[in-house]
PDB file of N, CA and C in Angstrom:
ATOM      1  N   MET A   1     -60.279  -9.202  10.041  1.00  0.00           N
ATOM      2  CA  MET A   1     -58.969  -7.349   8.974  1.00  0.00           C
ATOM      3  C   MET A   1     -57.509  -7.549   9.038  1.00  0.00           C
ATOM      4  N   PRO A   2     -57.479  -8.312   7.413  1.00  0.00           N
ATOM      5  CA  PRO A   2     -56.246  -7.753   7.436  1.00  0.00           C
ATOM      6  C   PRO A   2     -54.916  -6.647   7.705  1.00  0.00           C
ATOM      7  N   GLY A   3     -53.822  -7.404   8.233  1.00  0.00           N
ATOM      8  CA  GLY A   3     -52.990  -5.859   8.917  1.00  0.00           C
ATOM      9  C   GLY A   3     -51.749  -5.846   9.119  1.00  0.00           C
ATOM     10  N   PRO A   4     -50.813  -5.357   9.030  1.00  0.00           N
ATOM     11  CA  PRO A   4     -49.390  -5.050   9.415  1.00  0.00           C
ATOM     12  C   PRO A   4     -48.547  -6.800   9.897  1.00  0.00           C
ATOM     13  N   CYS A   5     -48.352  -7.180   8.786  1.00  0.00           N
ATOM     14  CA  CYS A   5     -47.443  -8.475   9.150  1.00  0.00           C
ATOM     15  C   CYS A   5     -46.330  -8.931  10.548  1.00  0.00           C
ATOM     16  N   LEU A   6     -45.897  -9.835  11.081  1.00  0.00           N
ATOM     17  CA  LEU A   6     -45.924  -9.562  12.221  1.00  0.00           C
ATOM     18  C   LEU A   6     -44.100 -10.059  11.265  1.00  0.00           C
ATOM     19  N   THR A   7     -43.080  -9.835  12.528  1.00  0.00           N
ATOM     20  CA  THR A   7     -41.709 -10.213  12.255  1.00  0.00           C
ATOM     21  C   THR A   7     -40.612 -11.046  13.410  1.00  0.00           C
ATOM     22  N   THR A   8     -39.712 -10.679  12.852  1.00  0.00           N
ATOM     23  CA  THR A   8     -39.158 -11.725  14.168  1.00  0.00           C
ATOM     24  C   THR A   8     -38.769 -10.789  15.115  1.00  0.00           C
ATOM     25  N   ALA A   9     -38.875  -9.002  14.455  1.00  0.00           N
ATOM     26  CA  ALA A   9     -38.903  -8.147  15.198  1.00  0.00           C
ATOM     27  C   ALA A   9     -40.122  -7.869  16.533  1.00  0.00           C
ATOM     28  N   SER A  10     -40.832  -8.443  16.094  1.00  0.00           N
ATOM     29  CA  SER A  10     -43.129  -7.771  16.959  1.00  0.00           C
ATOM     30  C   SER A  10     -42.808  -8.137  18.343  1.00  0.00           C
ATOM     31  N   VAL A  11     -43.354  -8.112  18.468  1.00  0.00           N
ATOM     32  CA  VAL A  11     -43.885  -8.161  20.179  1.00  0.00           C
ATOM     33  C   VAL A  11     -45.445  -9.133  20.460  1.00  0.00           C
ATOM     34  N   LEU A  12     -44.546  -9.814  20.907  1.00  0.00           N
ATOM     35  CA  LEU A  12     -45.822 -11.135  20.853  1.00  0.00           C
ATOM     36  C   LEU A  12     -45.227 -11.020  22.717  1.00  0.00           C
ATOM     37  N   THR A  13     -47.295 -11.328  23.487  1.00  0.00           N
ATOM     38  CA  THR A  13     -47.327 -11.771  24.746  1.00  0.00           C
ATOM     39  C   THR A  13     -48.340 -13.496  24.945  1.00  0.00           C
ATOM     40  N   CYS A  14     -47.807 -13.761  26.275  1.00  0.00           N
ATOM     41  CA  CYS A  14     -48.474 -15.176  25.724  1.00  0.00           C
ATOM     42  C   CYS A  14     -49.814 -14.208  26.505  1.00  0.00           C
ATOM     43  N   PRO A  15     -51.013 -14.804  27.160  1.00  0.00           N
ATOM     44  CA  PRO A  15     -51.844 -13.838  27.766  1.00  0.00           C
ATOM     45  C   PRO A  15     -51.292 -13.875  28.784  1.00  0.00           C
ATOM     46  N   HIS A  16     -50.469 -14.419  29.853  1.00  0.00           N
ATOM     47  CA  HIS A  16     -49.728 -14.766  31.350  1.00  0.00           C
ATOM     48  C   HIS A  16     -48.647 -13.583  30.530  1.00  0.00           C
ATOM     49  N   GLY A  17     -48.734 -12.477  30.216  1.00  0.00           N
ATOM     50  CA  GLY A  17     -46.961 -11.274  29.948  1.00  0.00           C
ATOM     51  C   GLY A  17     -46.389 -12.674  30.419  1.00  0.00           C
ATOM     52  N   GLY A  18     -46.364 -13.500  29.293  1.00  0.00           N
ATOM     53  CA  GLY A  18     -45.007 -14.514  28.792  1.00  0.00           C
ATOM     54  C   GLY A  18     -43.857 -13.990  27.713  1.00  0.00           C
ATOM     55  N   THR A  19     -43.105 -13.363  27.511  1.00  0.00           N
ATOM     56  CA  THR A  19     -42.619 -12.442  26.244  1.00  0.00           C
ATOM     57  C   THR A  19     -42.271 -14.109  25.359  1.00  0.00           C
ATOM     58  N   VAL A  20     -42.797 -13.794  23.890  1.00  0.00           N
ATOM     59  CA  VAL A  20     -42.816 -14.684  22.743  1.00  0.00           C
ATOM     60  C   VAL A  20     -41.934 -14.244  21.957  1.00  0.00           C
ATOM     61  N   THR A  21     -40.614 -15.312  21.668  1.00  0.00           N
ATOM     62  CA  THR A  21     -39.528 -15.432  20.561  1.00  0.00           C
ATOM     63  C   THR A  21     -40.068 -16.150  19.735  1.00  0.00           C
ATOM     64  N   ILE A  22     -39.216 -15.610  18.547  1.00  0.00           N
ATOM     65  CA  ILE A  22     -39.531 -15.939  17.341  1.00  0.00           C
ATOM     66  C   ILE A  22     -38.454 -16.326  16.543  1.00  0.00           C
ATOM     67  N   THR A  23     -37.788 -17.471  16.443  1.00  0.00           N
ATOM     68  CA  THR A  23     -36.970 -18.169  15.262  1.00  0.00           C
ATOM     69  C   THR A  23     -37.975 -18.487  13.870  1.00  0.00           C
ATOM     70  N   SER A  24     -36.741 -17.542  13.190  1.00  0.00           N
ATOM     71  CA  SER A  24     -37.014 -17.371  12.045  1.00  0.00           C
ATOM     72  C   SER A  24     -36.810 -18.209  10.057  1.00  0.00           C
ATOM     73  N   GLY A  25     -37.282 -19.228   9.884  1.00  0.00           N
ATOM     74  CA  GLY A  25     -36.518 -19.599   8.924  1.00  0.00           C
ATOM     75  C   GLY A  25     -36.621 -18.975   7.859  1.00  0.00           C
ATOM     76  N   ASN A  26     -36.991 -17.714   7.719  1.00  0.00           N
ATOM     77  CA  ASN A  26     -37.363 -17.506   6.073  1.00  0.00           C
ATOM     78  C   ASN A  26     -35.884 -16.436   5.850  1.00  0.00           C
ATOM     79  N   ALA A  27     -35.111 -16.492   5.018  1.00  0.00           N
ATOM     80  CA  ALA A  27     -34.047 -14.943   5.345  1.00  0.00           C
ATOM     81  C   ALA A  27     -34.467 -14.036   4.104  1.00  0.00           C
ATOM     82  N   ARG A  28     -35.568 -14.685   3.266  1.00  0.00           N
ATOM     83  CA  ARG A  28     -35.798 -13.572   2.246  1.00  0.00           C
ATOM     84  C   ARG A  28     -36.791 -12.657   1.744  1.00  0.00           C
ATOM     85  N   ALA A  29     -37.749 -12.805   2.701  1.00  0.00           N
ATOM     86  CA  ALA A  29     -38.783 -11.877   2.356  1.00  0.00           C
ATOM     87  C   ALA A  29     -38.429 -11.648   4.208  1.00  0.00           C
ATOM     88  N   ARG A  30     -38.470 -10.119   3.677  1.00  0.00           N
ATOM     89  CA  ARG A  30     -38.530  -8.868   4.901  1.00  0.00           C
ATOM     90  C   ARG A  30     -39.047  -7.713   5.058  1.00  0.00           C
ATOM     91  N   ALA A  31     -38.876  -7.433   5.978  1.00  0.00           N
ATOM     92  CA  ALA A  31     -39.907  -6.224   5.953  1.00  0.00           C
ATOM     93  C   ALA A  31     -39.475  -5.518   7.467  1.00  0.00           C
ATOM     94  N   GLY A  32     -38.539  -5.178   7.278  1.00  0.00           N
ATOM     95  CA  GLY A  32     -37.291  -4.477   8.060  1.00  0.00           C
ATOM     96  C   GLY A  32     -36.719  -5.550   8.555  1.00  0.00           C
ATOM     97  N   ALA A  33     -37.972  -7.220   9.127  1.00  0.00           N
ATOM     98  CA  ALA A  33     -36.781  -7.816   9.166  1.00  0.00           C
ATOM     99  C   ALA A  33     -37.243  -9.353   8.810  1.00  0.00           C
ATOM    100  N   PRO A  34     -37.211 -10.270   9.244  1.00  0.00           N
ATOM    101  CA  PRO A  34     -37.516 -11.095   9.296  1.00  0.00           C
ATOM    102  C   PRO A  34     -38.597 -11.413   9.039  1.00  0.00           C
ATOM    103  N   ILE A  35     -39.921 -11.411   8.123  1.00  0.00           N
ATOM    104  CA  ILE A  35     -41.427 -11.827   8.383  1.00  0.00           C
ATOM    105  C   ILE A  35     -41.681 -13.457   8.615  1.00  0.00           C
ATOM    106  N   ALA A  36     -42.955 -13.418   9.809  1.00  0.00           N
ATOM    107  CA  ALA A  36     -42.649 -14.236  10.467  1.00  0.00           C
ATOM    108  C   ALA A  36     -43.279 -15.647   9.487  1.00  0.00           C
ATOM    109  N   THR A  37     -43.887 -16.361   9.436  1.00  0.00           N
ATOM    110  CA  THR A  37     -44.916 -17.722   8.851  1.00  0.00           C
ATOM    111  C   THR A  37     -45.729 -18.371   9.957  1.00  0.00           C
ATOM    112  N   ALA A  38     -46.595 -19.457  10.025  1.00  0.00           N
ATOM    113  CA  ALA A  38     -47.109 -20.129  10.193  1.00  0.00           C
ATOM    114  C   ALA A  38     -45.950 -21.210  10.866  1.00  0.00           C
ATOM    115  N   ALA A  39     -44.828 -21.344   9.791  1.00  0.00           N
ATOM    116  CA  ALA A  39     -44.037 -22.901   9.745  1.00  0.00           C
ATOM    117  C   ALA A  39     -42.684 -22.159  11.051  1.00  0.00           C
ATOM    118  N   ASP A  40     -42.298 -20.998  11.368  1.00  0.00           N
ATOM    119  CA  ASP A  40     -42.145 -20.052  12.467  1.00  0.00           C
ATOM    120  C   ASP A  40     -41.670 -21.375  13.613  1.00  0.00           C
ATOM    121  N   VAL A  41     -40.646 -21.126  14.883  1.00  0.00           N
ATOM    122  CA  VAL A  41     -40.988 -20.892  15.818  1.00  0.00           C
ATOM    123  C   VAL A  41     -40.781 -20.244  17.057  1.00  0.00           C
ATOM    124  N   PHE A  42     -42.186 -20.702  17.423  1.00  0.00           N
ATOM    125  CA  PHE A  42     -42.885 -19.196  18.980  1.00  0.00           C
ATOM    126  C   PHE A  42     -41.839 -19.999  19.684  1.00  0.00           C
ATOM    127  N   VAL A  43     -41.457 -18.881  20.795  1.00  0.00           N
ATOM    128  CA  VAL A  43     -41.203 -20.257  22.394  1.00  0.00           C
ATOM    129  C   VAL A  43     -41.451 -19.157  23.302  1.00  0.00           C
ATOM    130  N   VAL A  44     -42.203 -19.559  24.020  1.00  0.00           N
ATOM    131  CA  VAL A  44     -42.151 -18.505  25.431  1.00  0.00           C
ATOM    132  C   VAL A  44     -41.713 -18.813  26.981  1.00  0.00           C
ATOM    133  N   ALA A  45     -40.995 -17.464  26.975  1.00  0.00           N
ATOM    134  CA  ALA A  45     -40.301 -17.344  27.538  1.00  0.00           C
ATOM    135  C   ALA A  45     -40.724 -17.347  28.853  1.00  0.00           C
ATOM    136  N   GLY A  46     -40.997 -16.907  30.535  1.00  0.00           N
ATOM    137  CA  GLY A  46     -41.748 -16.098  31.396  1.00  0.00           C
ATOM    138  C   GLY A  46     -43.226 -16.017  31.799  1.00  0.00           C
ATOM    139  N   CYS A  47     -44.216 -17.605  31.182  1.00  0.00           N
ATOM    140  CA  CYS A  47     -44.785 -16.812  31.592  1.00  0.00           C
ATOM    141  C   CYS A  47     -44.827 -17.823  33.555  1.00  0.00           C
ATOM    142  N   PRO A  48     -45.878 -17.040  33.880  1.00  0.00           N
ATOM    143  CA  PRO A  48     -45.828 -17.387  35.513  1.00  0.00           C
ATOM    144  C   PRO A  48     -47.013 -18.728  35.940  1.00  0.00           C
ATOM    145  N   PHE A  49     -48.558 -18.424  34.679  1.00  0.00           N
ATOM    146  CA  PHE A  49     -49.585 -19.339  35.078  1.00  0.00           C
ATOM    147  C   PHE A  49     -49.027 -20.842  36.068  1.00  0.00           C
ATOM    148  N   THR A  50     -50.489 -20.962  36.263  1.00  0.00           N
ATOM    149  CA  THR A  50     -49.395 -22.092  38.077  1.00  0.00           C
ATOM    150  C   THR A  50     -51.766 -23.097  37.990  1.00  0.00           C
ATOM    151  N   LEU A  51     -51.726 -23.468  37.339  1.00  0.00           N
ATOM    152  CA  LEU A  51     -52.864 -24.271  37.906  1.00  0.00           C
ATOM    153  C   LEU A  51     -53.511 -24.310  39.530  1.00  0.00           C
ATOM    154  N   PRO A  52     -54.281 -24.753  39.088  1.00  0.00           N
ATOM    155  CA  PRO A  52     -54.526 -24.975  41.092  1.00  0.00           C
ATOM    156  C   PRO A  52     -53.725 -26.209  41.991  1.00  0.00           C
ATOM    157  N   GLY A  53     -53.647 -25.443  43.206  1.00  0.00           N
ATOM    158  CA  GLY A  53     -52.555 -27.126  43.950  1.00  0.00           C
ATOM    159  C   GLY A  53     -51.442 -26.152  44.141  1.00  0.00           C
ATOM    160  N   PRO A  54     -50.939 -25.887  43.880  1.00  0.00           N
ATOM    161  CA  PRO A  54     -50.646 -24.873  42.740  1.00  0.00           C
ATOM    162  C   PRO A  54     -49.370 -25.622  42.396  1.00  0.00           C
ATOM    163  N   THR A  55     -49.676 -26.012  40.579  1.00  0.00           N
ATOM    164  CA  THR A  55     -48.704 -26.727  40.178  1.00  0.00           C
ATOM    165  C   THR A  55     -48.825 -25.401  38.602  1.00  0.00           C
ATOM    166  N   PRO A  56     -47.469 -26.235  38.212  1.00  0.00           N
ATOM    167  CA  PRO A  56     -46.977 -24.342  36.839  1.00  0.00           C
ATOM    168  C   PRO A  56     -46.920 -25.533  35.702  1.00  0.00           C
ATOM    169  N   SER A  57     -47.165 -24.294  35.453  1.00  0.00           N
ATOM    170  CA  SER A  57     -48.246 -25.179  33.649  1.00  0.00           C
ATOM    171  C   SER A  57     -48.377 -23.901  32.828  1.00  0.00           C
ATOM    172  N   PRO A  58     -46.807 -23.194  33.166  1.00  0.00           N
ATOM    173  CA  PRO A  58     -46.200 -22.168  31.709  1.00  0.00           C
ATOM    174  C   PRO A  58     -46.661 -22.226  30.289  1.00  0.00           C
ATOM    175  N   CYS A  59     -46.667 -21.671  29.678  1.00  0.00           N
ATOM    176  CA  CYS A  59     -47.290 -20.999  28.201  1.00  0.00           C
ATOM    177  C   CYS A  59     -45.298 -21.992  27.308  1.00  0.00           C
ATOM    178  N   ALA A  60     -45.491 -23.015  26.740  1.00  0.00           N
ATOM    179  CA  ALA A  60     -44.005 -22.762  26.098  1.00  0.00           C
ATOM    180  C   ALA A  60     -44.159 -22.678  24.472  1.00  0.00           C
ATOM    181  N   ILE A  61     -45.456 -22.942  23.972  1.00  0.00           N
ATOM    182  CA  ILE A  61     -44.960 -22.545  22.097  1.00  0.00           C
ATOM    183  C   ILE A  61     -46.571 -22.022  21.580  1.00  0.00           C
ATOM    184  N   VAL A  62     -46.515 -20.890  20.833  1.00  0.00           N
ATOM    185  CA  VAL A  62     -47.456 -20.805  20.708  1.00  0.00           C
ATOM    186  C   VAL A  62     -47.958 -21.491  18.862  1.00  0.00           C
ATOM    187  N   GLN A  63     -48.714 -22.107  18.981  1.00  0.00           N
ATOM    188  CA  GLN A  63     -49.165 -22.359  17.763  1.00  0.00           C
ATOM    189  C   GLN A  63     -49.999 -21.896  16.444  1.00  0.00           C
ATOM    190  N   TRP A  64     -49.682 -22.019  15.228  1.00  0.00           N
ATOM    191  CA  TRP A  64     -50.662 -21.024  14.806  1.00  0.00           C
ATOM    192  C   TRP A  64     -52.118 -21.239  14.615  1.00  0.00           C
ATOM    193  N   LEU A  65     -53.219 -21.142  14.491  1.00  0.00           N
ATOM    194  CA  LEU A  65     -54.321 -22.069  13.797  1.00  0.00           C
ATOM    195  C   LEU A  65     -54.340 -21.316  12.498  1.00  0.00           C
ATOM    196  N   VAL A  66     -54.252 -19.846  12.324  1.00  0.00           N
ATOM    197  CA  VAL A  66     -55.112 -18.994  11.472  1.00  0.00           C
ATOM    198  C   VAL A  66     -54.406 -17.625  10.554  1.00  0.00           C
ATOM    199  N   PRO A  67     -53.214 -18.994   9.689  1.00  0.00           N
ATOM    200  CA  PRO A  67     -52.342 -17.270   9.098  1.00  0.00           C
ATOM    201  C   PRO A  67     -53.266 -15.877   8.173  1.00  0.00           C
ATOM    202  N   ALA A  68     -52.413 -15.796   7.458  1.00  0.00           N
ATOM    203  CA  ALA A  68     -52.234 -14.419   7.528  1.00  0.00           C
ATOM    204  C   ALA A  68     -53.355 -15.369   5.921  1.00  0.00           C
ATOM    205  N   ALA A  69     -53.904 -14.489   5.081  1.00  0.00           N
ATOM    206  CA  ALA A  69     -55.470 -14.871   4.681  1.00  0.00           C
ATOM    207  C   ALA A  69     -54.701 -14.933   2.813  1.00  0.00           C
ATOM    208  N   ARG A  70     -53.732 -13.642   2.576  1.00  0.00           N
ATOM    209  CA  ARG A  70     -53.792 -13.577   0.987  1.00  0.00           C
ATOM    210  C   ARG A  70     -51.923 -13.567   1.258  1.00  0.00           C
ATOM    211  N   LEU A  71     -50.975 -13.735   1.926  1.00  0.00           N
ATOM    212  CA  LEU A  71     -50.062 -13.189   2.145  1.00  0.00           C
ATOM    213  C   LEU A  71     -49.194 -14.283   2.314  1.00  0.00           C
ATOM    214  N   THR A  72     -47.298 -14.588   1.721  1.00  0.00           N
ATOM    215  CA  THR A  72     -46.485 -15.760   2.300  1.00  0.00           C
ATOM    216  C   THR A  72     -45.865 -15.540   2.164  1.00  0.00           C
ATOM    217  N   ALA A  73     -44.820 -16.194   3.482  1.00  0.00           N
ATOM    218  CA  ALA A  73     -42.526 -15.748   2.854  1.00  0.00           C
ATOM    219  C   ALA A  73     -42.294 -16.610   2.017  1.00  0.00           C
ATOM    220  N   GLY A  74     -41.809 -16.344   0.569  1.00  0.00           N
ATOM    221  CA  GLY A  74     -40.921 -17.749   0.754  1.00  0.00           C
ATOM    222  C   GLY A  74     -41.625 -19.412   0.597  1.00  0.00           C
ATOM    223  N   GLY A  75     -43.540 -19.382   0.834  1.00  0.00           N
ATOM    224  CA  GLY A  75     -43.939 -20.358   0.204  1.00  0.00           C
ATOM    225  C   GLY A  75     -44.669 -20.871   1.352  1.00  0.00           C
ATOM    226  N   PRO A  76     -43.979 -20.967   2.974  1.00  0.00           N
ATOM    227  CA  PRO A  76     -45.723 -21.023   4.124  1.00  0.00           C
ATOM    228  C   PRO A  76     -46.262 -19.483   3.986  1.00  0.00           C
ATOM    229  N   PRO A  77     -47.471 -19.813   4.853  1.00  0.00           N
ATOM    230  CA  PRO A  77     -48.398 -18.553   5.096  1.00  0.00           C
ATOM    231  C   PRO A  77     -48.275 -17.978   6.433  1.00  0.00           C
ATOM    232  N   ALA A  78     -48.016 -16.399   5.822  1.00  0.00           N
ATOM    233  CA  ALA A  78     -47.385 -15.444   6.232  1.00  0.00           C
ATOM    234  C   ALA A  78     -48.109 -14.930   7.339  1.00  0.00           C
ATOM    235  N   LEU A  79     -47.687 -14.099   8.738  1.00  0.00           N
ATOM    236  CA  LEU A  79     -48.708 -14.144  10.212  1.00  0.00           C
ATOM    237  C   LEU A  79     -49.392 -12.913  10.273  1.00  0.00           C
ATOM    238  N   ASP A  80     -50.585 -12.224  10.762  1.00  0.00           N
ATOM    239  CA  ASP A  80     -50.825 -10.162  10.720  1.00  0.00           C
ATOM    240  C   ASP A  80     -51.276 -10.450  11.529  1.00  0.00           C
ATOM    241  N   THR A  81     -51.392  -8.765  11.657  1.00  0.00           N
ATOM    242  CA  THR A  81     -51.829  -9.305  13.229  1.00  0.00           C
ATOM    243  C   THR A  81     -53.693  -9.371  13.010  1.00  0.00           C
ATOM    244  N   SER A  82     -54.184  -9.776  11.719  1.00  0.00           N
ATOM    245  CA  SER A  82     -55.009 -10.808  12.945  1.00  0.00           C
ATOM    246  C   SER A  82     -55.236 -12.039  12.173  1.00  0.00           C
ATOM    247  N   SER A  83     -53.979 -12.410  12.102  1.00  0.00           N
ATOM    248  CA  SER A  83     -53.522 -14.218  12.498  1.00  0.00           C
ATOM    249  C   SER A  83     -53.783 -14.840  13.683  1.00  0.00           C
ATOM    250  N   VAL A  84     -54.905 -15.682  14.226  1.00  0.00           N
ATOM    251  CA  VAL A  84     -54.824 -16.726  15.244  1.00  0.00           C
ATOM    252  C   VAL A  84     -54.031 -17.491  15.368  1.00  0.00           C
ATOM    253  N   GLY A  85     -52.965 -17.908  16.803  1.00  0.00           N
ATOM    254  CA  GLY A  85     -52.220 -18.518  16.892  1.00  0.00           C
ATOM    255  C   GLY A  85     -52.599 -18.549  18.598  1.00  0.00           C
ATOM    256  N   LEU A  86     -52.442 -19.648  19.009  1.00  0.00           N
ATOM    257  CA  LEU A  86     -52.410 -21.058  20.247  1.00  0.00           C
ATOM    258  C   LEU A  86     -51.906 -20.072  21.237  1.00  0.00           C
ATOM    259  N   CYS A  87     -51.312 -19.903  22.501  1.00  0.00           N
ATOM    260  CA  CYS A  87     -50.348 -20.718  23.225  1.00  0.00           C
ATOM    261  C   CYS A  87     -50.639 -21.921  24.510  1.00  0.00           C
ATOM    262  N   LEU A  88     -49.092 -22.614  24.412  1.00  0.00           N
ATOM    263  CA  LEU A  88     -49.985 -24.447  24.520  1.00  0.00           C
ATOM    264  C   LEU A  88     -48.533 -24.333  25.139  1.00  0.00           C
ATOM    265  N   ALA A  89     -49.307 -25.164  26.706  1.00  0.00           N
ATOM    266  CA  ALA A  89     -47.621 -25.130  27.862  1.00  0.00           C
ATOM    267  C   ALA A  89     -47.044 -26.754  26.968  1.00  0.00           C
ATOM    268  N   ALA A  90     -46.337 -27.394  27.907  1.00  0.00           N
ATOM    269  CA  ALA A  90     -45.435 -28.454  26.937  1.00  0.00           C
ATOM    270  C   ALA A  90     -45.916 -29.253  27.027  1.00  0.00           C
ATOM    271  N   THR A  91     -47.385 -29.845  28.666  1.00  0.00           N
ATOM    272  CA  THR A  91     -48.015 -30.671  27.952  1.00  0.00           C
ATOM    273  C   THR A  91     -49.297 -31.275  26.563  1.00  0.00           C
ATOM    274  N   GLY A  92     -48.866 -29.965  26.190  1.00  0.00           N
ATOM    275  CA  GLY A  92     -49.791 -29.421  24.921  1.00  0.00           C
ATOM    276  C   GLY A  92     -51.177 -28.521  24.926  1.00  0.00           C
ATOM    277  N   ALA A  93     -51.856 -29.412  26.362  1.00  0.00           N
ATOM    278  CA  ALA A  93     -52.838 -28.336  26.888  1.00  0.00           C
ATOM    279  C   ALA A  93     -53.168 -26.290  26.641  1.00  0.00           C
ATOM    280  N   PRO A  94     -54.099 -26.173  25.632  1.00  0.00           N
ATOM    281  CA  PRO A  94     -53.896 -24.612  25.223  1.00  0.00           C
ATOM    282  C   PRO A  94     -54.638 -23.922  26.662  1.00  0.00           C
ATOM    283  N   GLN A  95     -53.559 -22.743  26.610  1.00  0.00           N
ATOM    284  CA  GLN A  95     -54.208 -22.110  27.614  1.00  0.00           C
ATOM    285  C   GLN A  95     -53.691 -19.960  26.747  1.00  0.00           C
ATOM    286  N   GLY A  96     -54.410 -20.473  26.123  1.00  0.00           N
ATOM    287  CA  GLY A  96     -54.758 -19.242  26.186  1.00  0.00           C
ATOM    288  C   GLY A  96     -54.673 -18.420  24.416  1.00  0.00           C
ATOM    289  N   PRO A  97     -54.545 -17.070  23.708  1.00  0.00           N
ATOM    290  CA  PRO A  97     -54.742 -16.739  23.293  1.00  0.00           C
ATOM    291  C   PRO A  97     -53.075 -15.509  22.916  1.00  0.00           C
ATOM    292  N   VAL A  98     -52.672 -15.386  21.545  1.00  0.00           N
ATOM    293  CA  VAL A  98     -50.925 -15.301  21.562  1.00  0.00           C
ATOM    294  C   VAL A  98     -51.182 -13.935  21.592  1.00  0.00           C
ATOM    295  N   VAL A  99     -50.852 -12.994  22.469  1.00  0.00           N
ATOM    296  CA  VAL A  99     -51.220 -11.682  22.599  1.00  0.00           C
ATOM    297  C   VAL A  99     -49.993 -10.733  20.848  1.00  0.00           C
ATOM    298  N   VAL A 100     -50.575  -9.769  20.033  1.00  0.00           N
ATOM    299  CA  VAL A 100     -49.870  -9.508  19.338  1.00  0.00           C
ATOM    300  C   VAL A 100     -50.071  -7.626  20.363  1.00  0.00           C
ATOM    301  N   GLN A 101     -48.601  -7.344  21.040  1.00  0.00           N
ATOM    302  CA  GLN A 101     -48.629  -5.912  21.593  1.00  0.00           C
ATOM    303  C   GLN A 101     -47.724  -4.967  19.818  1.00  0.00           C
ATOM    304  N   SER A 102     -46.977  -5.352  19.628  1.00  0.00           N
ATOM    305  CA  SER A 102     -46.458  -4.129  18.435  1.00  0.00           C
ATOM    306  C   SER A 102     -45.674  -4.832  16.945  1.00  0.00           C
ATOM    307  N   THR A 103     -45.414  -4.949  16.201  1.00  0.00           N
ATOM    308  CA  THR A 103     -44.806  -4.546  14.865  1.00  0.00           C
ATOM    309  C   THR A 103     -44.723  -3.992  13.726  1.00  0.00           C
ATOM    310  N   GLN A 104     -44.714  -4.194  13.472  1.00  0.00           N
ATOM    311  CA  GLN A 104     -44.104  -2.451  11.879  1.00  0.00           C
ATOM    312  C   GLN A 104     -44.940  -2.756  10.725  1.00  0.00           C
ATOM    313  N   SER A 105     -44.927  -1.511   9.752  1.00  0.00           N
ATOM    314  CA  SER A 105     -46.123  -1.188   9.195  1.00  0.00           C
ATOM    315  C   SER A 105     -45.112  -0.925   8.639  1.00  0.00           C
ATOM    316  N   ARG A 106     -44.368  -1.098   7.467  1.00  0.00           N
ATOM    317  CA  ARG A 106     -44.630  -1.571   5.916  1.00  0.00           C
ATOM    318  C   ARG A 106     -44.657  -1.924   5.582  1.00  0.00           C
ATOM    319  N   VAL A 107     -45.210  -3.526   5.829  1.00  0.00           N
ATOM    320  CA  VAL A 107     -45.616  -4.805   4.517  1.00  0.00           C
ATOM    321  C   VAL A 107     -46.909  -4.715   5.832  1.00  0.00           C
ATOM    322  N   SER A 108     -47.725  -5.110   4.710  1.00  0.00           N
ATOM    323  CA  SER A 108     -49.935  -5.871   5.378  1.00  0.00           C
ATOM    324  C   SER A 108     -50.590  -6.343   4.776  1.00  0.00           C
ATOM    325  N   ASP A 109     -51.064  -7.261   5.112  1.00  0.00           N
ATOM    326  CA  ASP A 109     -52.142  -8.029   4.370  1.00  0.00           C
ATOM    327  C   ASP A 109     -53.204  -6.806   3.974  1.00  0.00           C
ATOM    328  N   GLN A 110     -53.775  -6.669   2.944  1.00  0.00           N
ATOM    329  CA  GLN A 110     -54.309  -5.779   2.641  1.00  0.00           C
ATOM    330  C   GLN A 110     -54.956  -5.999   1.181  1.00  0.00           C
TER     331      GLN A 110
END
């Protein structure tokens, strides 16, 4: 179900508690802060995940698989709370879904 748009001020984490930082190339479409799109860069920092061994395998980036259904922001598809993002290790191994902790409420994909 569509929901509020994600912006660069939204709080996202990896499933292990690492912090996601959004770097947006979108300078025009705003909802208090630039609206996040599937084309933006999502970097994860502070992920403590380790594989057996123990071998560190922290989440490094977020890849968006399903953007907002009906919303764009200057061309690329925008992201909302119903968008599906997958956290990936530096090796490209999938680590689990991104977690949206909070976002703005002014613009939604409804």
